[in-house]
Amino acid sequence: MPAIRYEVVNYTPWTLLNAPMTDGQTRLQIDCYDKTSSIIAATVAEAVRKSLHGFSGTLGSVRVYDCIMDNRYDRFAPPPPGGKHWRKRRTMDFLISHKDPTPTP
């Protein structure tokens, strides 16, 4: 700790009637944890937010049109059995509009 965890919550292709789907939007959830201080979890989260919010460019083979933070909240998890430290967590959701990568055969 501190630690970061991410999860793709959903992917929505942009549907076109007369063309193949080449673009879409992904909702990415990022959790920033610390076991002793919500201030540390928030500091880590702010560094992540500054890196992602407003980003556009290329990541690997994916063209990112834009990335915005859509949601943010704090949670506290009780200590595990036998533990004494509550885990502090800041969760952020990002909406990422992007071109789908071209599949390779």
PDB file of N, CA and C in Angstrom:
ATOM      1  N   MET A   1       0.847  -1.176   0.000  1.00  0.00           N
ATOM      2  CA  MET A   1       0.000   0.000   0.000  1.00  0.00           C
ATOM      3  C   MET A   1       0.893   1.240   0.000  1.00  0.00           C
ATOM      4  N   PRO A   2       0.573   2.271  -0.669  1.00  0.00           N
ATOM      5  CA  PRO A   2      -0.627   2.468  -1.468  1.00  0.00           C
ATOM      6  C   PRO A   2      -0.639   1.573  -2.707  1.00  0.00           C
ATOM      7  N   ALA A   3      -1.843   1.387  -3.263  1.00  0.00           N
ATOM      8  CA  ALA A   3      -2.003   0.520  -4.424  1.00  0.00           C
ATOM      9  C   ALA A   3      -3.067   1.102  -5.350  1.00  0.00           C
ATOM     10  N   ILE A   4      -2.981   0.694  -6.617  1.00  0.00           N
ATOM     11  CA  ILE A   4      -3.966   1.087  -7.624  1.00  0.00           C
ATOM     12  C   ILE A   4      -4.515  -0.179  -8.271  1.00  0.00           C
ATOM     13  N   ARG A   5      -5.817  -0.197  -8.458  1.00  0.00           N
ATOM     14  CA  ARG A   5      -6.489  -1.300  -9.157  1.00  0.00           C
ATOM     15  C   ARG A   5      -7.379  -0.700 -10.228  1.00  0.00           C
ATOM     16  N   TYR A   6      -7.468  -1.357 -11.381  1.00  0.00           N
ATOM     17  CA  TYR A   6      -8.367  -0.854 -12.422  1.00  0.00           C
ATOM     18  C   TYR A   6      -9.223  -1.979 -12.965  1.00  0.00           C
ATOM     19  N   GLU A   7     -10.354  -1.589 -13.540  1.00  0.00           N
ATOM     20  CA  GLU A   7     -11.287  -2.553 -14.107  1.00  0.00           C
ATOM     21  C   GLU A   7     -12.032  -1.880 -15.258  1.00  0.00           C
ATOM     22  N   VAL A   8     -12.159  -2.606 -16.371  1.00  0.00           N
ATOM     23  CA  VAL A   8     -13.002  -2.129 -17.461  1.00  0.00           C
ATOM     24  C   VAL A   8     -14.439  -2.471 -17.081  1.00  0.00           C
ATOM     25  N   VAL A   9     -15.240  -1.441 -16.838  1.00  0.00           N
ATOM     26  CA  VAL A   9     -16.621  -1.649 -16.388  1.00  0.00           C
ATOM     27  C   VAL A   9     -17.513  -2.002 -17.566  1.00  0.00           C
ATOM     28  N   ASN A  10     -17.382  -1.282 -18.670  1.00  0.00           N
ATOM     29  CA  ASN A  10     -18.115  -1.658 -19.875  1.00  0.00           C
ATOM     30  C   ASN A  10     -17.481  -1.036 -21.105  1.00  0.00           C
ATOM     31  N   TYR A  11     -17.875  -1.580 -22.244  1.00  0.00           N
ATOM     32  CA  TYR A  11     -17.448  -1.073 -23.541  1.00  0.00           C
ATOM     33  C   TYR A  11     -18.691  -0.932 -24.407  1.00  0.00           C
ATOM     34  N   THR A  12     -18.840   0.211 -25.053  1.00  0.00           N
ATOM     35  CA  THR A  12     -19.978   0.452 -25.921  1.00  0.00           C
ATOM     36  C   THR A  12     -19.456   0.828 -27.305  1.00  0.00           C
ATOM     37  N   PRO A  13     -19.701  -0.032 -28.306  1.00  0.00           N
ATOM     38  CA  PRO A  13     -19.288   0.351 -29.661  1.00  0.00           C
ATOM     39  C   PRO A  13     -20.221   1.427 -30.200  1.00  0.00           C
ATOM     40  N   TRP A  14     -19.683   2.288 -31.041  1.00  0.00           N
ATOM     41  CA  TRP A  14     -20.505   3.289 -31.709  1.00  0.00           C
ATOM     42  C   TRP A  14     -21.060   2.630 -32.959  1.00  0.00           C
ATOM     43  N   THR A  15     -22.336   2.403 -32.959  1.00  0.00           N
ATOM     44  CA  THR A  15     -23.001   1.660 -34.023  1.00  0.00           C
ATOM     45  C   THR A  15     -23.307   2.575 -35.208  1.00  0.00           C
ATOM     46  N   LEU A  16     -22.937   2.118 -36.392  1.00  0.00           N
ATOM     47  CA  LEU A  16     -23.245   2.811 -37.638  1.00  0.00           C
ATOM     48  C   LEU A  16     -24.043   1.863 -38.526  1.00  0.00           C
ATOM     49  N   LEU A  17     -25.036   2.373 -39.214  1.00  0.00           N
ATOM     50  CA  LEU A  17     -25.874   1.509 -40.045  1.00  0.00           C
ATOM     51  C   LEU A  17     -25.186   1.076 -41.330  1.00  0.00           C
ATOM     52  N   ASN A  18     -24.307   1.895 -41.877  1.00  0.00           N
ATOM     53  CA  ASN A  18     -23.745   1.589 -43.186  1.00  0.00           C
ATOM     54  C   ASN A  18     -22.220   1.423 -43.176  1.00  0.00           C
ATOM     55  N   ALA A  19     -21.646   1.167 -42.014  1.00  0.00           N
ATOM     56  CA  ALA A  19     -20.187   1.018 -41.940  1.00  0.00           C
ATOM     57  C   ALA A  19     -19.833   0.102 -40.765  1.00  0.00           C
ATOM     58  N   PRO A  20     -18.660  -0.513 -40.826  1.00  0.00           N
ATOM     59  CA  PRO A  20     -18.249  -1.348 -39.691  1.00  0.00           C
ATOM     60  C   PRO A  20     -17.979  -0.492 -38.445  1.00  0.00           C
ATOM     61  N   MET A  21     -18.141  -1.109 -37.286  1.00  0.00           N
ATOM     62  CA  MET A  21     -17.870  -0.400 -36.030  1.00  0.00           C
ATOM     63  C   MET A  21     -16.361  -0.283 -35.843  1.00  0.00           C
ATOM     64  N   THR A  22     -15.871   0.925 -35.812  1.00  0.00           N
ATOM     65  CA  THR A  22     -14.436   1.123 -35.632  1.00  0.00           C
ATOM     66  C   THR A  22     -14.123   1.982 -34.419  1.00  0.00           C
ATOM     67  N   ASP A  23     -15.140   2.591 -33.812  1.00  0.00           N
ATOM     68  CA  ASP A  23     -14.943   3.454 -32.658  1.00  0.00           C
ATOM     69  C   ASP A  23     -15.840   2.999 -31.515  1.00  0.00           C
ATOM     70  N   GLY A  24     -15.478   3.414 -30.316  1.00  0.00           N
ATOM     71  CA  GLY A  24     -16.298   3.049 -29.170  1.00  0.00           C
ATOM     72  C   GLY A  24     -15.916   3.855 -27.948  1.00  0.00           C
ATOM     73  N   GLN A  25     -16.586   3.532 -26.854  1.00  0.00           N
ATOM     74  CA  GLN A  25     -16.306   4.205 -25.589  1.00  0.00           C
ATOM     75  C   GLN A  25     -16.184   3.146 -24.494  1.00  0.00           C
ATOM     76  N   THR A  26     -15.146   3.288 -23.686  1.00  0.00           N
ATOM     77  CA  THR A  26     -14.890   2.374 -22.578  1.00  0.00           C
ATOM     78  C   THR A  26     -14.999   3.147 -21.266  1.00  0.00           C
ATOM     79  N   ARG A  27     -15.680   2.543 -20.293  1.00  0.00           N
ATOM     80  CA  ARG A  27     -15.714   3.091 -18.938  1.00  0.00           C
ATOM     81  C   ARG A  27     -14.689   2.310 -18.128  1.00  0.00           C
ATOM     82  N   LEU A  28     -13.710   3.044 -17.602  1.00  0.00           N
ATOM     83  CA  LEU A  28     -12.627   2.454 -16.815  1.00  0.00           C
ATOM     84  C   LEU A  28     -12.764   2.935 -15.377  1.00  0.00           C
ATOM     85  N   GLN A  29     -12.793   2.001 -14.441  1.00  0.00           N
ATOM     86  CA  GLN A  29     -12.849   2.353 -13.023  1.00  0.00           C
ATOM     87  C   GLN A  29     -11.477   2.130 -12.418  1.00  0.00           C
ATOM     88  N   ILE A  30     -10.985   3.143 -11.717  1.00  0.00           N
ATOM     89  CA  ILE A  30      -9.675   3.060 -11.069  1.00  0.00           C
ATOM     90  C   ILE A  30      -9.867   3.294  -9.580  1.00  0.00           C
ATOM     91  N   ASP A  31      -9.358   2.356  -8.774  1.00  0.00           N
ATOM     92  CA  ASP A  31      -9.416   2.462  -7.317  1.00  0.00           C
ATOM     93  C   ASP A  31      -8.004   2.695  -6.792  1.00  0.00           C
ATOM     94  N   CYS A  32      -7.858   3.708  -5.940  1.00  0.00           N
ATOM     95  CA  CYS A  32      -6.576   4.008  -5.299  1.00  0.00           C
ATOM     96  C   CYS A  32      -6.733   3.734  -3.804  1.00  0.00           C
ATOM     97  N   TYR A  33      -5.871   2.888  -3.251  1.00  0.00           N
ATOM     98  CA  TYR A  33      -5.990   2.420  -1.878  1.00  0.00           C
ATOM     99  C   TYR A  33      -4.825   2.880  -1.013  1.00  0.00           C
ATOM    100  N   ASP A  34      -5.091   2.979   0.266  1.00  0.00           N
ATOM    101  CA  ASP A  34      -4.053   3.052   1.288  1.00  0.00           C
ATOM    102  C   ASP A  34      -4.629   2.460   2.566  1.00  0.00           C
ATOM    103  N   LYS A  35      -3.795   1.879   3.391  1.00  0.00           N
ATOM    104  CA  LYS A  35      -4.322   1.245   4.610  1.00  0.00           C
ATOM    105  C   LYS A  35      -4.266   2.151   5.827  1.00  0.00           C
ATOM    106  N   THR A  36      -3.556   3.265   5.728  1.00  0.00           N
ATOM    107  CA  THR A  36      -3.428   4.099   6.922  1.00  0.00           C
ATOM    108  C   THR A  36      -3.974   5.504   6.758  1.00  0.00           C
ATOM    109  N   SER A  37      -4.082   6.003   5.521  1.00  0.00           N
ATOM    110  CA  SER A  37      -4.444   7.403   5.356  1.00  0.00           C
ATOM    111  C   SER A  37      -5.278   7.623   4.103  1.00  0.00           C
ATOM    112  N   SER A  38      -6.444   8.249   4.281  1.00  0.00           N
ATOM    113  CA  SER A  38      -7.247   8.606   3.112  1.00  0.00           C
ATOM    114  C   SER A  38      -6.570   9.731   2.337  1.00  0.00           C
ATOM    115  N   ILE A  39      -5.696  10.503   2.996  1.00  0.00           N
ATOM    116  CA  ILE A  39      -4.965  11.569   2.312  1.00  0.00           C
ATOM    117  C   ILE A  39      -4.005  10.972   1.283  1.00  0.00           C
ATOM    118  N   ILE A  40      -3.349   9.876   1.635  1.00  0.00           N
ATOM    119  CA  ILE A  40      -2.428   9.226   0.694  1.00  0.00           C
ATOM    120  C   ILE A  40      -3.204   8.649  -0.477  1.00  0.00           C
ATOM    121  N   ALA A  41      -4.321   7.985  -0.214  1.00  0.00           N
ATOM    122  CA  ALA A  41      -5.153   7.447  -1.300  1.00  0.00           C
ATOM    123  C   ALA A  41      -5.612   8.568  -2.223  1.00  0.00           C
ATOM    124  N   ALA A  42      -6.008   9.702  -1.661  1.00  0.00           N
ATOM    125  CA  ALA A  42      -6.450  10.844  -2.466  1.00  0.00           C
ATOM    126  C   ALA A  42      -5.299  11.437  -3.266  1.00  0.00           C
ATOM    127  N   THR A  43      -4.100  11.461  -2.696  1.00  0.00           N
ATOM    128  CA  THR A  43      -2.923  11.988  -3.396  1.00  0.00           C
ATOM    129  C   THR A  43      -2.571  11.109  -4.599  1.00  0.00           C
ATOM    130  N   VAL A  44      -2.611   9.793  -4.406  1.00  0.00           N
ATOM    131  CA  VAL A  44      -2.352   8.865  -5.513  1.00  0.00           C
ATOM    132  C   VAL A  44      -3.428   9.042  -6.585  1.00  0.00           C
ATOM    133  N   ALA A  45      -4.686   9.157  -6.157  1.00  0.00           N
ATOM    134  CA  ALA A  45      -5.785   9.337  -7.104  1.00  0.00           C
ATOM    135  C   ALA A  45      -5.624  10.626  -7.906  1.00  0.00           C
ATOM    136  N   GLU A  46      -5.170  11.689  -7.256  1.00  0.00           N
ATOM    137  CA  GLU A  46      -4.994  12.955  -7.959  1.00  0.00           C
ATOM    138  C   GLU A  46      -3.904  12.842  -9.029  1.00  0.00           C
ATOM    139  N   ALA A  47      -2.848  12.096  -8.747  1.00  0.00           N
ATOM    140  CA  ALA A  47      -1.800  11.876  -9.757  1.00  0.00           C
ATOM    141  C   ALA A  47      -2.368  11.104 -10.955  1.00  0.00           C
ATOM    142  N   VAL A  48      -3.214  10.101 -10.689  1.00  0.00           N
ATOM    143  CA  VAL A  48      -3.856   9.343 -11.763  1.00  0.00           C
ATOM    144  C   VAL A  48      -4.773  10.268 -12.565  1.00  0.00           C
ATOM    145  N   ARG A  49      -5.575  11.069 -11.875  1.00  0.00           N
ATOM    146  CA  ARG A  49      -6.501  11.980 -12.554  1.00  0.00           C
ATOM    147  C   ARG A  49      -5.756  12.948 -13.472  1.00  0.00           C
ATOM    148  N   LYS A  50      -4.660  13.514 -12.973  1.00  0.00           N
ATOM    149  CA  LYS A  50      -3.881  14.456 -13.785  1.00  0.00           C
ATOM    150  C   LYS A  50      -3.307  13.783 -15.028  1.00  0.00           C
ATOM    151  N   SER A  51      -2.982  12.499 -14.938  1.00  0.00           N
ATOM    152  CA  SER A  51      -2.426  11.772 -16.079  1.00  0.00           C
ATOM    153  C   SER A  51      -3.484  11.431 -17.125  1.00  0.00           C
ATOM    154  N   LEU A  52      -4.709  11.142 -16.673  1.00  0.00           N
ATOM    155  CA  LEU A  52      -5.736  10.648 -17.599  1.00  0.00           C
ATOM    156  C   LEU A  52      -6.744  11.696 -18.049  1.00  0.00           C
ATOM    157  N   HIS A  53      -7.212  12.535 -17.147  1.00  0.00           N
ATOM    158  CA  HIS A  53      -8.277  13.478 -17.485  1.00  0.00           C
ATOM    159  C   HIS A  53      -7.789  14.459 -18.551  1.00  0.00           C
ATOM    160  N   GLY A  54      -8.488  14.497 -19.682  1.00  0.00           N
ATOM    161  CA  GLY A  54      -8.105  15.374 -20.779  1.00  0.00           C
ATOM    162  C   GLY A  54      -7.120  14.762 -21.761  1.00  0.00           C
ATOM    163  N   PHE A  55      -6.696  13.520 -21.519  1.00  0.00           N
ATOM    164  CA  PHE A  55      -5.717  12.883 -22.405  1.00  0.00           C
ATOM    165  C   PHE A  55      -6.330  12.603 -23.772  1.00  0.00           C
ATOM    166  N   SER A  56      -5.568  12.834 -24.808  1.00  0.00           N
ATOM    167  CA  SER A  56      -5.860  12.339 -26.148  1.00  0.00           C
ATOM    168  C   SER A  56      -4.522  12.019 -26.793  1.00  0.00           C
ATOM    169  N   GLY A  57      -4.505  10.987 -27.595  1.00  0.00           N
ATOM    170  CA  GLY A  57      -3.260  10.551 -28.212  1.00  0.00           C
ATOM    171  C   GLY A  57      -3.312   9.063 -28.490  1.00  0.00           C
ATOM    172  N   THR A  58      -2.163   8.447 -28.599  1.00  0.00           N
ATOM    173  CA  THR A  58      -2.077   7.025 -28.904  1.00  0.00           C
ATOM    174  C   THR A  58      -1.502   6.275 -27.711  1.00  0.00           C
ATOM    175  N   LEU A  59      -2.172   5.194 -27.341  1.00  0.00           N
ATOM    176  CA  LEU A  59      -1.686   4.280 -26.295  1.00  0.00           C
ATOM    177  C   LEU A  59      -1.516   2.915 -26.935  1.00  0.00           C
ATOM    178  N   GLY A  60      -0.284   2.484 -27.135  1.00  0.00           N
ATOM    179  CA  GLY A  60      -0.052   1.225 -27.830  1.00  0.00           C
ATOM    180  C   GLY A  60      -0.616   1.321 -29.238  1.00  0.00           C
ATOM    181  N   SER A  61      -1.584   0.448 -29.565  1.00  0.00           N
ATOM    182  CA  SER A  61      -2.200   0.461 -30.899  1.00  0.00           C
ATOM    183  C   SER A  61      -3.567   1.151 -30.896  1.00  0.00           C
ATOM    184  N   VAL A  62      -3.925   1.811 -29.799  1.00  0.00           N
ATOM    185  CA  VAL A  62      -5.251   2.411 -29.673  1.00  0.00           C
ATOM    186  C   VAL A  62      -5.156   3.935 -29.769  1.00  0.00           C
ATOM    187  N   ARG A  63      -5.958   4.506 -30.644  1.00  0.00           N
ATOM    188  CA  ARG A  63      -6.064   5.973 -30.760  1.00  0.00           C
ATOM    189  C   ARG A  63      -7.136   6.439 -29.786  1.00  0.00           C
ATOM    190  N   VAL A  64      -6.760   7.258 -28.806  1.00  0.00           N
ATOM    191  CA  VAL A  64      -7.688   7.800 -27.814  1.00  0.00           C
ATOM    192  C   VAL A  64      -8.090   9.198 -28.274  1.00  0.00           C
ATOM    193  N   TYR A  65      -9.410   9.383 -28.472  1.00  0.00           N
ATOM    194  CA  TYR A  65      -9.914  10.701 -28.875  1.00  0.00           C
ATOM    195  C   TYR A  65      -9.985  11.628 -27.669  1.00  0.00           C
ATOM    196  N   ASP A  66     -10.524  11.125 -26.580  1.00  0.00           N
ATOM    197  CA  ASP A  66     -10.547  11.908 -25.339  1.00  0.00           C
ATOM    198  C   ASP A  66     -10.815  10.993 -24.156  1.00  0.00           C
ATOM    199  N   CYS A  67     -10.417  11.494 -22.991  1.00  0.00           N
ATOM    200  CA  CYS A  67     -10.585  10.764 -21.740  1.00  0.00           C
ATOM    201  C   CYS A  67     -11.008  11.780 -20.685  1.00  0.00           C
ATOM    202  N   ILE A  68     -12.154  11.529 -20.057  1.00  0.00           N
ATOM    203  CA  ILE A  68     -12.628  12.454 -19.032  1.00  0.00           C
ATOM    204  C   ILE A  68     -13.008  11.684 -17.768  1.00  0.00           C
ATOM    205  N   MET A  69     -12.771  12.307 -16.621  1.00  0.00           N
ATOM    206  CA  MET A  69     -13.217  11.721 -15.360  1.00  0.00           C
ATOM    207  C   MET A  69     -14.711  12.001 -15.238  1.00  0.00           C
ATOM    208  N   ASP A  70     -15.494  10.951 -15.033  1.00  0.00           N
ATOM    209  CA  ASP A  70     -16.949  11.066 -14.997  1.00  0.00           C
ATOM    210  C   ASP A  70     -17.510  10.997 -13.582  1.00  0.00           C
ATOM    211  N   ASN A  71     -16.752  10.430 -12.652  1.00  0.00           N
ATOM    212  CA  ASN A  71     -17.279  10.190 -11.316  1.00  0.00           C
ATOM    213  C   ASN A  71     -16.118  10.011 -10.340  1.00  0.00           C
ATOM    214  N   ARG A  72     -16.357  10.376  -9.071  1.00  0.00           N
ATOM    215  CA  ARG A  72     -15.340  10.165  -8.033  1.00  0.00           C
ATOM    216  C   ARG A  72     -16.032  10.029  -6.688  1.00  0.00           C
ATOM    217  N   TYR A  73     -15.591   9.064  -5.890  1.00  0.00           N
ATOM    218  CA  TYR A  73     -16.116   8.927  -4.534  1.00  0.00           C
ATOM    219  C   TYR A  73     -15.115   8.195  -3.658  1.00  0.00           C
ATOM    220  N   ASP A  74     -15.283   8.360  -2.347  1.00  0.00           N
ATOM    221  CA  ASP A  74     -14.408   7.726  -1.355  1.00  0.00           C
ATOM    222  C   ASP A  74     -15.169   6.636  -0.616  1.00  0.00           C
ATOM    223  N   ARG A  75     -14.452   5.575  -0.274  1.00  0.00           N
ATOM    224  CA  ARG A  75     -15.018   4.468   0.497  1.00  0.00           C
ATOM    225  C   ARG A  75     -14.002   4.034   1.543  1.00  0.00           C
ATOM    226  N   PHE A  76     -14.513   3.413   2.589  1.00  0.00           N
ATOM    227  CA  PHE A  76     -13.661   2.873   3.640  1.00  0.00           C
ATOM    228  C   PHE A  76     -14.088   1.436   3.889  1.00  0.00           C
ATOM    229  N   ALA A  77     -13.131   0.514   3.875  1.00  0.00           N
ATOM    230  CA  ALA A  77     -13.405  -0.906   4.091  1.00  0.00           C
ATOM    231  C   ALA A  77     -12.888  -1.307   5.463  1.00  0.00           C
ATOM    232  N   PRO A  78     -13.678  -2.092   6.195  1.00  0.00           N
ATOM    233  CA  PRO A  78     -13.228  -2.518   7.523  1.00  0.00           C
ATOM    234  C   PRO A  78     -11.994  -3.414   7.432  1.00  0.00           C
ATOM    235  N   PRO A  79     -11.267  -3.515   8.530  1.00  0.00           N
ATOM    236  CA  PRO A  79     -10.067  -4.365   8.514  1.00  0.00           C
ATOM    237  C   PRO A  79     -10.435  -5.820   8.271  1.00  0.00           C
ATOM    238  N   PRO A  80      -9.537  -6.562   7.650  1.00  0.00           N
ATOM    239  CA  PRO A  80      -9.772  -8.000   7.493  1.00  0.00           C
ATOM    240  C   PRO A  80      -9.755  -8.671   8.866  1.00  0.00           C
ATOM    241  N   PRO A  81     -10.268  -9.895   8.967  1.00  0.00           N
ATOM    242  CA  PRO A  81     -10.256 -10.590  10.257  1.00  0.00           C
ATOM    243  C   PRO A  81      -8.850 -10.613  10.857  1.00  0.00           C
ATOM    244  N   GLY A  82      -8.737 -10.179  12.098  1.00  0.00           N
ATOM    245  CA  GLY A  82      -7.458 -10.132  12.792  1.00  0.00           C
ATOM    246  C   GLY A  82      -6.664  -8.861  12.518  1.00  0.00           C
ATOM    247  N   GLY A  83      -7.119  -8.044  11.579  1.00  0.00           N
ATOM    248  CA  GLY A  83      -6.416  -6.809  11.238  1.00  0.00           C
ATOM    249  C   GLY A  83      -6.935  -5.639  12.056  1.00  0.00           C
ATOM    250  N   LYS A  84      -6.223  -4.530  12.012  1.00  0.00           N
ATOM    251  CA  LYS A  84      -6.669  -3.371  12.762  1.00  0.00           C
ATOM    252  C   LYS A  84      -6.756  -2.103  11.923  1.00  0.00           C
ATOM    253  N   HIS A  85      -6.342  -2.168  10.658  1.00  0.00           N
ATOM    254  CA  HIS A  85      -6.341  -0.972   9.822  1.00  0.00           C
ATOM    255  C   HIS A  85      -7.481  -1.010   8.811  1.00  0.00           C
ATOM    256  N   TRP A  86      -8.266   0.048   8.799  1.00  0.00           N
ATOM    257  CA  TRP A  86      -9.274   0.217   7.762  1.00  0.00           C
ATOM    258  C   TRP A  86      -8.561   0.570   6.469  1.00  0.00           C
ATOM    259  N   ARG A  87      -9.071   0.090   5.346  1.00  0.00           N
ATOM    260  CA  ARG A  87      -8.517   0.460   4.051  1.00  0.00           C
ATOM    261  C   ARG A  87      -9.283   1.668   3.510  1.00  0.00           C
ATOM    262  N   LYS A  88      -8.544   2.642   3.064  1.00  0.00           N
ATOM    263  CA  LYS A  88      -9.132   3.837   2.476  1.00  0.00           C
ATOM    264  C   LYS A  88      -9.054   3.702   0.960  1.00  0.00           C
ATOM    265  N   ARG A  89     -10.130   4.107   0.269  1.00  0.00           N
ATOM    266  CA  ARG A  89     -10.162   3.939  -1.181  1.00  0.00           C
ATOM    267  C   ARG A  89     -10.821   5.155  -1.826  1.00  0.00           C
ATOM    268  N   ARG A  90     -10.200   5.654  -2.871  1.00  0.00           N
ATOM    269  CA  ARG A  90     -10.835   6.647  -3.740  1.00  0.00           C
ATOM    270  C   ARG A  90     -11.066   5.973  -5.084  1.00  0.00           C
ATOM    271  N   THR A  91     -12.300   6.022  -5.535  1.00  0.00           N
ATOM    272  CA  THR A  91     -12.687   5.415  -6.802  1.00  0.00           C
ATOM    273  C   THR A  91     -12.995   6.511  -7.805  1.00  0.00           C
ATOM    274  N   MET A  92     -12.509   6.326  -9.023  1.00  0.00           N
ATOM    275  CA  MET A  92     -12.777   7.265 -10.107  1.00  0.00           C
ATOM    276  C   MET A  92     -13.201   6.483 -11.340  1.00  0.00           C
ATOM    277  N   ASP A  93     -14.183   7.016 -12.058  1.00  0.00           N
ATOM    278  CA  ASP A  93     -14.606   6.453 -13.334  1.00  0.00           C
ATOM    279  C   ASP A  93     -14.173   7.394 -14.446  1.00  0.00           C
ATOM    280  N   PHE A  94     -13.597   6.824 -15.498  1.00  0.00           N
ATOM    281  CA  PHE A  94     -13.178   7.590 -16.661  1.00  0.00           C
ATOM    282  C   PHE A  94     -13.917   7.071 -17.891  1.00  0.00           C
ATOM    283  N   LEU A  95     -14.384   7.985 -18.725  1.00  0.00           N
ATOM    284  CA  LEU A  95     -14.961   7.640 -20.018  1.00  0.00           C
ATOM    285  C   LEU A  95     -13.900   7.907 -21.078  1.00  0.00           C
ATOM    286  N   ILE A  96     -13.578   6.853 -21.835  1.00  0.00           N
ATOM    287  CA  ILE A  96     -12.517   6.941 -22.832  1.00  0.00           C
ATOM    288  C   ILE A  96     -13.122   6.673 -24.201  1.00  0.00           C
ATOM    289  N   SER A  97     -13.131   7.689 -25.058  1.00  0.00           N
ATOM    290  CA  SER A  97     -13.583   7.536 -26.448  1.00  0.00           C
ATOM    291  C   SER A  97     -12.362   7.177 -27.292  1.00  0.00           C
ATOM    292  N   HIS A  98     -12.492   6.132 -28.096  1.00  0.00           N
ATOM    293  CA  HIS A  98     -11.307   5.624 -28.797  1.00  0.00           C
ATOM    294  C   HIS A  98     -11.660   4.912 -30.087  1.00  0.00           C
ATOM    295  N   LYS A  99     -10.661   4.753 -30.922  1.00  0.00           N
ATOM    296  CA  LYS A  99     -10.748   3.921 -32.111  1.00  0.00           C
ATOM    297  C   LYS A  99     -10.380   2.509 -31.676  1.00  0.00           C
ATOM    298  N   ASP A 100     -11.180   1.548 -32.107  1.00  0.00           N
ATOM    299  CA  ASP A 100     -10.880   0.167 -31.742  1.00  0.00           C
ATOM    300  C   ASP A 100      -9.594  -0.285 -32.420  1.00  0.00           C
ATOM    301  N   PRO A 101      -8.791  -1.070 -31.691  1.00  0.00           N
ATOM    302  CA  PRO A 101      -7.594  -1.584 -32.342  1.00  0.00           C
ATOM    303  C   PRO A 101      -7.968  -2.552 -33.470  1.00  0.00           C
ATOM    304  N   THR A 102      -7.166  -2.576 -34.521  1.00  0.00           N
ATOM    305  CA  THR A 102      -7.397  -3.488 -35.628  1.00  0.00           C
ATOM    306  C   THR A 102      -6.934  -4.879 -35.216  1.00  0.00           C
ATOM    307  N   PRO A 103      -7.842  -5.880 -35.289  1.00  0.00           N
ATOM    308  CA  PRO A 103      -7.422  -7.240 -34.910  1.00  0.00           C
ATOM    309  C   PRO A 103      -6.320  -7.759 -35.833  1.00  0.00           C
ATOM    310  N   THR A 104      -5.422  -8.501 -35.272  1.00  0.00           N
ATOM    311  CA  THR A 104      -4.363  -9.119 -36.090  1.00  0.00           C
ATOM    312  C   THR A 104      -4.697 -10.587 -36.259  1.00  0.00           C
ATOM    313  N   PRO A 105      -4.477 -11.145 -37.457  1.00  0.00           N
ATOM    314  CA  PRO A 105      -4.817 -12.559 -37.711  1.00  0.00           C
ATOM    315  C   PRO A 105      -3.937 -13.516 -36.942  1.00  0.00           C
TER     316      PRO A 105
END
